[in-house]
Amino acid sequence: MSATVNTEAAVEQEKNSPFGEVWQRFKKNRIAMASLILLVTLTLLAILAPLVTSYDPYVGQLPQALKGPSASHIMGTDELGRDIYTRIIYGARISLWVGLLAVAVALAAGTILGSLAAYYGRWADNLIMRFMDIMLAIPSLLLVIAFMMVLGKGIENAIIAIGIVSVPEYVRIVRSSVLAVKENDYVQAARAIGNRDLAIIARHILPNITTPVIVKATLGISTAILDTAALGFLGLGVQPPYAEWGTMLGVGRNCLAPHIVFFPGLAITVTVLAFNLLGDGLRDALDPRLKC
């Protein structure tokens, strides 16, 4: 009896915690939950790829080339006889990995620059934000291509290029959030007792601006996946024979078999849509104005 009471109390305490409240609101959004389940499933398939398919993503059989969907190849085969379903699963590894790392690069740099610009203001703010404005004035895809022309082809360079191009968006979000928080009483109190500026930013300001940053990072992954696919389609990103959705589209566009481009395109569309819907769900769940 005592154990049951303790368990119920623990569950109730978890529901009343900040994370519990956010999770309860998030669970009510069926579309966001479906997106989360889809992305978790895709991630597990990518991690367990050797266990969920028996085909080699890089070795094909020419007699089986350009075969349509069938019982043995549910998404058909490509121009070299490789199983498209297998290549899409292995391609998910690259797309998700590039998306996460590119957002991590942009988030780290954007948080640092945005915090410094907002906290110190004046010349630091003008210098940082004017440079960000210059970057935002150039279409992001063109800027990514320009960086790739300088850095060279490859997945590592794609991560760096996409991450750098995404920095201005995070700088603007972090800057506006820090400007709204830095004049609060607890920040003024931390400054009055002699805390250093970097300690104030790290301990008192950044933990209170996580909501818009988390939402932007979730949405940013979808943008990074699209940029990765665009680079692969143009031949500047991940190079054959590696399986990457954009590269598969670029190679298959000259073939007369529509399934070669349909399934990679569908994978890109569904994954990007899932991240966007997940970001919308997180925004609604994390919004304090929705609290009862």
C-alpha atoms as a PDB file:
ATOM      1  CA  MET A   1       0.000   0.000   0.000  1.00  0.00           C
ATOM      2  CA  SER A   2       2.797   2.352   0.926  1.00  0.00           C
ATOM      3  CA  ALA A   3       4.661   1.568  -2.317  1.00  0.00           C
ATOM      4  CA  THR A   4       1.526   2.350  -4.357  1.00  0.00           C
ATOM      5  CA  VAL A   5       1.079   5.671  -2.607  1.00  0.00           C
ATOM      6  CA  ASN A   6       4.728   6.553  -3.164  1.00  0.00           C
ATOM      7  CA  THR A   7       4.444   5.659  -6.860  1.00  0.00           C
ATOM      8  CA  GLU A   8       1.323   7.780  -7.309  1.00  0.00           C
ATOM      9  CA  ALA A   9       3.011  10.662  -5.512  1.00  0.00           C
ATOM     10  CA  ALA A  10       6.069  10.361  -7.775  1.00  0.00           C
ATOM     11  CA  VAL A  11       3.868  10.349 -10.891  1.00  0.00           C
ATOM     12  CA  GLU A  12       1.945  13.382  -9.658  1.00  0.00           C
ATOM     13  CA  GLN A  13       5.180  15.188  -8.829  1.00  0.00           C
ATOM     14  CA  GLU A  14       6.519  14.442 -12.318  1.00  0.00           C
ATOM     15  CA  LYS A  15       3.350  15.847 -13.890  1.00  0.00           C
ATOM     16  CA  ASN A  16       3.701  19.016 -11.840  1.00  0.00           C
ATOM     17  CA  SER A  17       7.358  19.479 -12.802  1.00  0.00           C
ATOM     18  CA  PRO A  18       8.170  21.875 -15.671  1.00  0.00           C
ATOM     19  CA  PHE A  19       9.178  19.010 -17.931  1.00  0.00           C
ATOM     20  CA  GLY A  20       6.060  17.056 -16.980  1.00  0.00           C
ATOM     21  CA  GLU A  21       3.805  19.973 -17.854  1.00  0.00           C
ATOM     22  CA  VAL A  22       5.512  20.406 -21.217  1.00  0.00           C
ATOM     23  CA  TRP A  23       5.234  16.686 -21.960  1.00  0.00           C
ATOM     24  CA  GLN A  24       1.545  16.618 -21.028  1.00  0.00           C
ATOM     25  CA  ARG A  25       0.814  19.503 -23.411  1.00  0.00           C
ATOM     26  CA  PHE A  26       2.967  17.953 -26.137  1.00  0.00           C
ATOM     27  CA  LYS A  27       1.161  14.598 -25.910  1.00  0.00           C
ATOM     28  CA  LYS A  28      -2.146  16.314 -26.633  1.00  0.00           C
ATOM     29  CA  ASN A  29      -0.841  17.356 -30.058  1.00  0.00           C
ATOM     30  CA  ARG A  30      -1.469  14.212 -32.097  1.00  0.00           C
ATOM     31  CA  ILE A  31       0.289  15.490 -35.203  1.00  0.00           C
ATOM     32  CA  ALA A  32       3.434  16.353 -33.237  1.00  0.00           C
ATOM     33  CA  MET A  33       3.372  12.972 -31.490  1.00  0.00           C
ATOM     34  CA  ALA A  34       2.990  11.183 -34.826  1.00  0.00           C
ATOM     35  CA  SER A  35       5.956  13.174 -36.162  1.00  0.00           C
ATOM     36  CA  LEU A  36       8.044  12.245 -33.120  1.00  0.00           C
ATOM     37  CA  ILE A  37       7.192   8.545 -33.529  1.00  0.00           C
ATOM     38  CA  LEU A  38       8.040   8.721 -37.236  1.00  0.00           C
ATOM     39  CA  LEU A  39      11.423  10.367 -36.592  1.00  0.00           C
ATOM     40  CA  VAL A  40      12.274   7.923 -33.798  1.00  0.00           C
ATOM     41  CA  THR A  41      11.384   5.026 -36.110  1.00  0.00           C
ATOM     42  CA  LEU A  42      13.513   6.469 -38.914  1.00  0.00           C
ATOM     43  CA  THR A  43      16.431   6.957 -36.521  1.00  0.00           C
ATOM     44  CA  LEU A  44      16.180   3.373 -35.269  1.00  0.00           C
ATOM     45  CA  LEU A  45      16.044   2.067 -38.845  1.00  0.00           C
ATOM     46  CA  ALA A  46      19.154   4.092 -39.701  1.00  0.00           C
ATOM     47  CA  ILE A  47      21.041   2.833 -36.645  1.00  0.00           C
ATOM     48  CA  LEU A  48      19.952  -0.782 -37.147  1.00  0.00           C
ATOM     49  CA  ALA A  49      20.259  -0.703 -40.945  1.00  0.00           C
ATOM     50  CA  PRO A  50      22.369  -3.898 -41.231  1.00  0.00           C
ATOM     51  CA  LEU A  51      19.689  -5.758 -39.251  1.00  0.00           C
ATOM     52  CA  VAL A  52      16.613  -4.557 -41.162  1.00  0.00           C
ATOM     53  CA  THR A  53      17.884  -5.203 -44.687  1.00  0.00           C
ATOM     54  CA  SER A  54      19.954  -7.958 -46.211  1.00  0.00           C
ATOM     55  CA  TYR A  55      21.200  -5.984 -49.232  1.00  0.00           C
ATOM     56  CA  ASP A  56      24.450  -4.097 -49.578  1.00  0.00           C
ATOM     57  CA  PRO A  57      23.791  -0.395 -50.251  1.00  0.00           C
ATOM     58  CA  TYR A  58      26.894  -0.060 -52.450  1.00  0.00           C
ATOM     59  CA  VAL A  59      26.970  -3.350 -54.362  1.00  0.00           C
ATOM     60  CA  GLY A  60      24.367  -4.035 -57.032  1.00  0.00           C
ATOM     61  CA  GLN A  61      23.501  -6.615 -59.632  1.00  0.00           C
ATOM     62  CA  LEU A  62      23.372  -5.202 -63.144  1.00  0.00           C
ATOM     63  CA  PRO A  63      20.839  -7.796 -64.382  1.00  0.00           C
ATOM     64  CA  GLN A  64      18.453  -6.392 -61.725  1.00  0.00           C
ATOM     65  CA  ALA A  65      18.974  -2.752 -62.754  1.00  0.00           C
ATOM     66  CA  LEU A  66      15.956  -0.420 -63.034  1.00  0.00           C
ATOM     67  CA  LYS A  67      13.506  -3.014 -61.719  1.00  0.00           C
ATOM     68  CA  GLY A  68      10.265  -1.612 -60.322  1.00  0.00           C
ATOM     69  CA  PRO A  69       8.921  -2.321 -56.822  1.00  0.00           C
ATOM     70  CA  SER A  70       8.455  -6.027 -56.178  1.00  0.00           C
ATOM     71  CA  ALA A  71       8.356  -8.548 -53.341  1.00  0.00           C
ATOM     72  CA  SER A  72      12.167  -8.830 -53.290  1.00  0.00           C
ATOM     73  CA  HIS A  73      12.776  -5.079 -53.755  1.00  0.00           C
ATOM     74  CA  ILE A  74       9.865  -3.174 -52.219  1.00  0.00           C
ATOM     75  CA  MET A  75      11.070   0.154 -53.673  1.00  0.00           C
ATOM     76  CA  GLY A  76      12.736  -1.271 -56.763  1.00  0.00           C
ATOM     77  CA  THR A  77      16.365  -1.028 -57.836  1.00  0.00           C
ATOM     78  CA  ASP A  78      18.486   1.782 -59.250  1.00  0.00           C
ATOM     79  CA  GLU A  79      20.568   2.010 -62.423  1.00  0.00           C
ATOM     80  CA  LEU A  80      23.231  -0.299 -60.947  1.00  0.00           C
ATOM     81  CA  GLY A  81      20.815  -2.859 -59.533  1.00  0.00           C
ATOM     82  CA  ARG A  82      21.137  -1.664 -55.918  1.00  0.00           C
ATOM     83  CA  ASP A  83      18.136  -1.946 -53.611  1.00  0.00           C
ATOM     84  CA  ILE A  84      16.595   1.531 -53.207  1.00  0.00           C
ATOM     85  CA  TYR A  85      14.966   0.734 -49.854  1.00  0.00           C
ATOM     86  CA  THR A  86      18.375  -0.206 -48.461  1.00  0.00           C
ATOM     87  CA  ARG A  87      20.004   2.926 -49.808  1.00  0.00           C
ATOM     88  CA  ILE A  88      17.260   5.126 -48.361  1.00  0.00           C
ATOM     89  CA  ILE A  89      17.763   3.624 -44.911  1.00  0.00           C
ATOM     90  CA  TYR A  90      21.548   4.086 -45.110  1.00  0.00           C
ATOM     91  CA  GLY A  91      20.963   7.543 -46.565  1.00  0.00           C
ATOM     92  CA  ALA A  92      18.962   8.443 -43.457  1.00  0.00           C
ATOM     93  CA  ARG A  93      22.173   8.038 -41.463  1.00  0.00           C
ATOM     94  CA  ILE A  94      23.901  10.730 -43.512  1.00  0.00           C
ATOM     95  CA  SER A  95      20.948  13.123 -43.724  1.00  0.00           C
ATOM     96  CA  LEU A  96      20.159  12.981 -40.000  1.00  0.00           C
ATOM     97  CA  TRP A  97      23.826  13.145 -39.021  1.00  0.00           C
ATOM     98  CA  VAL A  98      24.544  16.147 -41.228  1.00  0.00           C
ATOM     99  CA  GLY A  99      21.381  17.868 -40.016  1.00  0.00           C
ATOM    100  CA  LEU A 100      22.220  17.390 -36.337  1.00  0.00           C
ATOM    101  CA  LEU A 101      25.882  18.391 -36.637  1.00  0.00           C
ATOM    102  CA  ALA A 102      25.181  21.413 -38.845  1.00  0.00           C
ATOM    103  CA  VAL A 103      22.581  22.668 -36.354  1.00  0.00           C
ATOM    104  CA  ALA A 104      25.022  22.035 -33.486  1.00  0.00           C
ATOM    105  CA  VAL A 105      27.655  24.182 -35.233  1.00  0.00           C
ATOM    106  CA  ALA A 106      25.158  26.961 -35.964  1.00  0.00           C
ATOM    107  CA  LEU A 107      23.643  26.797 -32.482  1.00  0.00           C
ATOM    108  CA  ALA A 108      26.991  27.010 -30.687  1.00  0.00           C
ATOM    109  CA  ALA A 109      28.285  29.905 -32.784  1.00  0.00           C
ATOM    110  CA  GLY A 110      24.929  31.708 -32.842  1.00  0.00           C
ATOM    111  CA  THR A 111      24.491  31.465 -29.071  1.00  0.00           C
ATOM    112  CA  ILE A 112      27.932  32.891 -28.385  1.00  0.00           C
ATOM    113  CA  LEU A 113      27.706  35.745 -30.893  1.00  0.00           C
ATOM    114  CA  GLY A 114      24.086  36.587 -30.104  1.00  0.00           C
ATOM    115  CA  SER A 115      24.743  36.658 -26.362  1.00  0.00           C
ATOM    116  CA  LEU A 116      27.784  38.909 -26.716  1.00  0.00           C
ATOM    117  CA  ALA A 117      25.976  41.274 -29.086  1.00  0.00           C
ATOM    118  CA  ALA A 118      22.965  41.675 -26.800  1.00  0.00           C
ATOM    119  CA  TYR A 119      24.784  41.778 -23.476  1.00  0.00           C
ATOM    120  CA  TYR A 120      27.528  44.252 -24.373  1.00  0.00           C
ATOM    121  CA  GLY A 121      25.667  46.246 -27.033  1.00  0.00           C
ATOM    122  CA  ARG A 122      27.222  49.309 -28.695  1.00  0.00           C
ATOM    123  CA  TRP A 123      30.168  48.504 -30.954  1.00  0.00           C
ATOM    124  CA  ALA A 124      30.013  44.747 -30.320  1.00  0.00           C
ATOM    125  CA  ASP A 125      26.335  44.666 -31.248  1.00  0.00           C
ATOM    126  CA  ASN A 126      26.847  46.798 -34.356  1.00  0.00           C
ATOM    127  CA  LEU A 127      29.848  44.800 -35.554  1.00  0.00           C
ATOM    128  CA  ILE A 128      28.243  41.382 -35.087  1.00  0.00           C
ATOM    129  CA  MET A 129      24.773  42.254 -36.348  1.00  0.00           C
ATOM    130  CA  ARG A 130      25.935  44.142 -39.432  1.00  0.00           C
ATOM    131  CA  PHE A 131      28.011  41.128 -40.447  1.00  0.00           C
ATOM    132  CA  MET A 132      24.972  38.891 -39.876  1.00  0.00           C
ATOM    133  CA  ASP A 133      22.863  41.243 -42.009  1.00  0.00           C
ATOM    134  CA  ILE A 134      25.356  40.892 -44.851  1.00  0.00           C
ATOM    135  CA  MET A 135      25.111  37.101 -44.658  1.00  0.00           C
ATOM    136  CA  LEU A 136      21.305  37.219 -44.557  1.00  0.00           C
ATOM    137  CA  ALA A 137      21.257  39.431 -47.651  1.00  0.00           C
ATOM    138  CA  ILE A 138      22.657  36.534 -49.703  1.00  0.00           C
ATOM    139  CA  PRO A 139      20.326  33.571 -50.480  1.00  0.00           C
ATOM    140  CA  SER A 140      21.322  30.759 -48.140  1.00  0.00           C
ATOM    141  CA  LEU A 141      21.671  28.089 -50.833  1.00  0.00           C
ATOM    142  CA  LEU A 142      23.941  30.304 -52.930  1.00  0.00           C
ATOM    143  CA  LEU A 143      26.064  31.000 -49.862  1.00  0.00           C
ATOM    144  CA  VAL A 144      26.297  27.283 -49.080  1.00  0.00           C
ATOM    145  CA  ILE A 145      27.382  26.585 -52.657  1.00  0.00           C
ATOM    146  CA  ALA A 146      29.991  29.350 -52.426  1.00  0.00           C
ATOM    147  CA  PHE A 147      31.420  27.836 -49.238  1.00  0.00           C
ATOM    148  CA  MET A 148      31.466  24.385 -50.843  1.00  0.00           C
ATOM    149  CA  MET A 149      33.377  25.751 -53.827  1.00  0.00           C
ATOM    150  CA  VAL A 150      36.002  27.065 -51.409  1.00  0.00           C
ATOM    151  CA  LEU A 151      36.077  24.116 -48.991  1.00  0.00           C
ATOM    152  CA  GLY A 152      35.633  21.370 -51.548  1.00  0.00           C
ATOM    153  CA  LYS A 153      33.205  18.469 -51.857  1.00  0.00           C
ATOM    154  CA  GLY A 154      32.469  16.024 -49.049  1.00  0.00           C
ATOM    155  CA  ILE A 155      30.234  15.436 -46.063  1.00  0.00           C
ATOM    156  CA  GLU A 156      32.518  17.182 -43.545  1.00  0.00           C
ATOM    157  CA  ASN A 157      32.664  20.332 -45.627  1.00  0.00           C
ATOM    158  CA  ALA A 158      28.898  20.202 -46.153  1.00  0.00           C
ATOM    159  CA  ILE A 159      28.399  20.202 -42.368  1.00  0.00           C
ATOM    160  CA  ILE A 160      30.691  23.211 -41.976  1.00  0.00           C
ATOM    161  CA  ALA A 161      29.132  25.145 -44.862  1.00  0.00           C
ATOM    162  CA  ILE A 162      25.529  24.544 -43.804  1.00  0.00           C
ATOM    163  CA  GLY A 163      26.385  25.301 -40.184  1.00  0.00           C
ATOM    164  CA  ILE A 164      28.084  28.617 -40.998  1.00  0.00           C
ATOM    165  CA  VAL A 165      25.265  29.766 -43.276  1.00  0.00           C
ATOM    166  CA  SER A 166      22.688  29.017 -40.539  1.00  0.00           C
ATOM    167  CA  VAL A 167      24.498  31.043 -37.860  1.00  0.00           C
ATOM    168  CA  PRO A 168      22.768  34.435 -38.509  1.00  0.00           C
ATOM    169  CA  GLU A 169      19.312  33.026 -37.761  1.00  0.00           C
ATOM    170  CA  TYR A 170      20.438  31.775 -34.346  1.00  0.00           C
ATOM    171  CA  VAL A 171      22.292  35.013 -33.622  1.00  0.00           C
ATOM    172  CA  ARG A 172      19.128  37.042 -34.199  1.00  0.00           C
ATOM    173  CA  ILE A 173      16.974  34.764 -32.033  1.00  0.00           C
ATOM    174  CA  VAL A 174      19.481  34.615 -29.166  1.00  0.00           C
ATOM    175  CA  ARG A 175      20.130  38.365 -29.321  1.00  0.00           C
ATOM    176  CA  SER A 176      16.448  39.285 -29.127  1.00  0.00           C
ATOM    177  CA  SER A 177      15.889  36.821 -26.264  1.00  0.00           C
ATOM    178  CA  VAL A 178      18.897  38.069 -24.288  1.00  0.00           C
ATOM    179  CA  LEU A 179      17.768  41.683 -24.732  1.00  0.00           C
ATOM    180  CA  ALA A 180      14.424  40.751 -23.180  1.00  0.00           C
ATOM    181  CA  VAL A 181      16.022  38.967 -20.218  1.00  0.00           C
ATOM    182  CA  LYS A 182      19.186  40.858 -19.300  1.00  0.00           C
ATOM    183  CA  GLU A 183      17.377  43.681 -17.479  1.00  0.00           C
ATOM    184  CA  ASN A 184      15.444  41.351 -15.178  1.00  0.00           C
ATOM    185  CA  ASP A 185      15.952  41.660 -11.420  1.00  0.00           C
ATOM    186  CA  TYR A 186      17.839  38.378 -10.994  1.00  0.00           C
ATOM    187  CA  VAL A 187      20.384  39.428 -13.635  1.00  0.00           C
ATOM    188  CA  GLN A 188      20.822  42.803 -11.959  1.00  0.00           C
ATOM    189  CA  ALA A 189      21.273  41.074  -8.592  1.00  0.00           C
ATOM    190  CA  ALA A 190      23.924  38.726 -10.018  1.00  0.00           C
ATOM    191  CA  ARG A 191      25.746  41.726 -11.454  1.00  0.00           C
ATOM    192  CA  ALA A 192      25.475  43.621  -8.123  1.00  0.00           C
ATOM    193  CA  ILE A 193      27.129  40.862  -6.090  1.00  0.00           C
ATOM    194  CA  GLY A 194      30.115  40.859  -8.428  1.00  0.00           C
ATOM    195  CA  ASN A 195      29.534  37.932 -10.782  1.00  0.00           C
ATOM    196  CA  ARG A 196      31.532  38.092 -13.982  1.00  0.00           C
ATOM    197  CA  ASP A 197      29.806  38.820 -17.254  1.00  0.00           C
ATOM    198  CA  LEU A 198      30.423  35.380 -18.734  1.00  0.00           C
ATOM    199  CA  ALA A 199      29.119  33.719 -15.559  1.00  0.00           C
ATOM    200  CA  ILE A 200      25.977  35.869 -15.661  1.00  0.00           C
ATOM    201  CA  ILE A 201      25.366  34.967 -19.300  1.00  0.00           C
ATOM    202  CA  ALA A 202      25.971  31.240 -18.759  1.00  0.00           C
ATOM    203  CA  ARG A 203      24.165  30.786 -15.420  1.00  0.00           C
ATOM    204  CA  HIS A 204      21.377  33.349 -15.408  1.00  0.00           C
ATOM    205  CA  ILE A 205      20.561  34.374 -18.984  1.00  0.00           C
ATOM    206  CA  LEU A 206      21.018  31.396 -21.317  1.00  0.00           C
ATOM    207  CA  PRO A 207      18.955  28.938 -19.202  1.00  0.00           C
ATOM    208  CA  ASN A 208      16.010  31.342 -19.470  1.00  0.00           C
ATOM    209  CA  ILE A 209      16.019  31.672 -23.262  1.00  0.00           C
ATOM    210  CA  THR A 210      16.035  27.976 -24.166  1.00  0.00           C
ATOM    211  CA  THR A 211      12.454  27.798 -25.487  1.00  0.00           C
ATOM    212  CA  PRO A 212      12.865  29.756 -28.763  1.00  0.00           C
ATOM    213  CA  VAL A 213      16.316  28.264 -29.290  1.00  0.00           C
ATOM    214  CA  ILE A 214      15.071  24.673 -28.950  1.00  0.00           C
ATOM    215  CA  VAL A 215      12.210  25.305 -31.353  1.00  0.00           C
ATOM    216  CA  LYS A 216      14.502  26.972 -33.890  1.00  0.00           C
ATOM    217  CA  ALA A 217      17.036  24.135 -33.633  1.00  0.00           C
ATOM    218  CA  THR A 218      14.319  21.552 -34.331  1.00  0.00           C
ATOM    219  CA  LEU A 219      13.124  23.469 -37.372  1.00  0.00           C
ATOM    220  CA  GLY A 220      16.742  24.084 -38.391  1.00  0.00           C
ATOM    221  CA  ILE A 221      17.390  20.354 -38.754  1.00  0.00           C
ATOM    222  CA  SER A 222      14.796  20.183 -41.526  1.00  0.00           C
ATOM    223  CA  THR A 223      16.451  23.110 -43.312  1.00  0.00           C
ATOM    224  CA  ALA A 224      19.866  21.456 -42.984  1.00  0.00           C
ATOM    225  CA  ILE A 225      18.498  18.211 -44.453  1.00  0.00           C
ATOM    226  CA  LEU A 226      17.086  20.151 -47.402  1.00  0.00           C
ATOM    227  CA  ASP A 227      20.400  21.944 -47.946  1.00  0.00           C
ATOM    228  CA  THR A 228      22.245  18.620 -47.770  1.00  0.00           C
ATOM    229  CA  ALA A 229      19.902  17.144 -50.366  1.00  0.00           C
ATOM    230  CA  ALA A 230      20.328  20.210 -52.588  1.00  0.00           C
ATOM    231  CA  LEU A 231      24.122  19.927 -52.427  1.00  0.00           C
ATOM    232  CA  GLY A 232      23.924  16.210 -53.197  1.00  0.00           C
ATOM    233  CA  PHE A 233      21.598  16.866 -56.134  1.00  0.00           C
ATOM    234  CA  LEU A 234      24.069  19.408 -57.544  1.00  0.00           C
ATOM    235  CA  GLY A 235      26.987  17.035 -57.032  1.00  0.00           C
ATOM    236  CA  LEU A 236      28.685  19.190 -54.372  1.00  0.00           C
ATOM    237  CA  GLY A 237      27.785  17.260 -51.246  1.00  0.00           C
ATOM    238  CA  VAL A 238      28.097  13.569 -50.439  1.00  0.00           C
ATOM    239  CA  GLN A 239      29.743  11.824 -53.361  1.00  0.00           C
ATOM    240  CA  PRO A 240      28.756   8.478 -54.944  1.00  0.00           C
ATOM    241  CA  PRO A 241      28.679   5.643 -54.173  1.00  0.00           C
ATOM    242  CA  TYR A 242      27.597   6.760 -50.700  1.00  0.00           C
ATOM    243  CA  ALA A 243      23.849   6.638 -50.227  1.00  0.00           C
ATOM    244  CA  GLU A 244      22.404  10.120 -49.669  1.00  0.00           C
ATOM    245  CA  TRP A 245      18.910  11.179 -50.655  1.00  0.00           C
ATOM    246  CA  GLY A 246      19.873  14.255 -52.663  1.00  0.00           C
ATOM    247  CA  THR A 247      22.658  12.398 -54.439  1.00  0.00           C
ATOM    248  CA  MET A 248      20.201   9.616 -55.295  1.00  0.00           C
ATOM    249  CA  LEU A 249      17.879  12.214 -56.816  1.00  0.00           C
ATOM    250  CA  GLY A 250      20.712  13.788 -58.797  1.00  0.00           C
ATOM    251  CA  VAL A 251      21.903  10.471 -60.233  1.00  0.00           C
ATOM    252  CA  GLY A 252      18.401   9.139 -60.906  1.00  0.00           C
ATOM    253  CA  ARG A 253      16.992  12.205 -62.656  1.00  0.00           C
ATOM    254  CA  ASN A 254      18.428  11.044 -65.978  1.00  0.00           C
ATOM    255  CA  CYS A 255      16.863   7.586 -65.734  1.00  0.00           C
ATOM    256  CA  LEU A 256      13.517   6.720 -67.247  1.00  0.00           C
ATOM    257  CA  ALA A 257      12.341   4.783 -64.196  1.00  0.00           C
ATOM    258  CA  PRO A 258      10.248   7.143 -62.016  1.00  0.00           C
ATOM    259  CA  HIS A 259      10.619   5.075 -58.826  1.00  0.00           C
ATOM    260  CA  ILE A 260      14.342   5.965 -58.671  1.00  0.00           C
ATOM    261  CA  VAL A 261      13.555   9.596 -57.867  1.00  0.00           C
ATOM    262  CA  PHE A 262      10.116   9.136 -56.285  1.00  0.00           C
ATOM    263  CA  PHE A 263      11.194   7.264 -53.156  1.00  0.00           C
ATOM    264  CA  PRO A 264      14.245   9.432 -52.262  1.00  0.00           C
ATOM    265  CA  GLY A 265      12.108  12.513 -52.875  1.00  0.00           C
ATOM    266  CA  LEU A 266       9.383  11.069 -50.653  1.00  0.00           C
ATOM    267  CA  ALA A 267      11.935  10.365 -47.908  1.00  0.00           C
ATOM    268  CA  ILE A 268      13.143  13.976 -48.000  1.00  0.00           C
ATOM    269  CA  THR A 269       9.601  15.366 -47.994  1.00  0.00           C
ATOM    270  CA  VAL A 270       8.314  13.198 -45.152  1.00  0.00           C
ATOM    271  CA  THR A 271      11.391  13.752 -42.953  1.00  0.00           C
ATOM    272  CA  VAL A 272      11.434  17.525 -43.429  1.00  0.00           C
ATOM    273  CA  LEU A 273       7.681  17.717 -42.821  1.00  0.00           C
ATOM    274  CA  ALA A 274       8.031  15.619 -39.646  1.00  0.00           C
ATOM    275  CA  PHE A 275      10.719  17.927 -38.233  1.00  0.00           C
ATOM    276  CA  ASN A 276       8.624  20.999 -39.058  1.00  0.00           C
ATOM    277  CA  LEU A 277       5.536  19.545 -37.371  1.00  0.00           C
ATOM    278  CA  LEU A 278       7.636  18.461 -34.396  1.00  0.00           C
ATOM    279  CA  GLY A 279       9.004  21.992 -34.091  1.00  0.00           C
ATOM    280  CA  ASP A 280       5.488  23.438 -34.195  1.00  0.00           C
ATOM    281  CA  GLY A 281       4.416  21.014 -31.480  1.00  0.00           C
ATOM    282  CA  LEU A 282       7.384  21.918 -29.284  1.00  0.00           C
ATOM    283  CA  ARG A 283       6.649  25.617 -29.758  1.00  0.00           C
ATOM    284  CA  ASP A 284       3.073  25.153 -28.566  1.00  0.00           C
ATOM    285  CA  ALA A 285       4.107  22.910 -25.652  1.00  0.00           C
ATOM    286  CA  LEU A 286       6.898  25.206 -24.456  1.00  0.00           C
ATOM    287  CA  ASP A 287       4.868  28.420 -24.776  1.00  0.00           C
ATOM    288  CA  PRO A 288       4.176  29.555 -21.179  1.00  0.00           C
ATOM    289  CA  ARG A 289       1.076  31.427 -22.348  1.00  0.00           C
ATOM    290  CA  LEU A 290      -0.623  28.072 -22.891  1.00  0.00           C
ATOM    291  CA  LYS A 291      -0.407  27.165 -19.212  1.00  0.00           C
ATOM    292  CA  CYS A 292      -3.752  26.931 -17.445  1.00  0.00           C
END
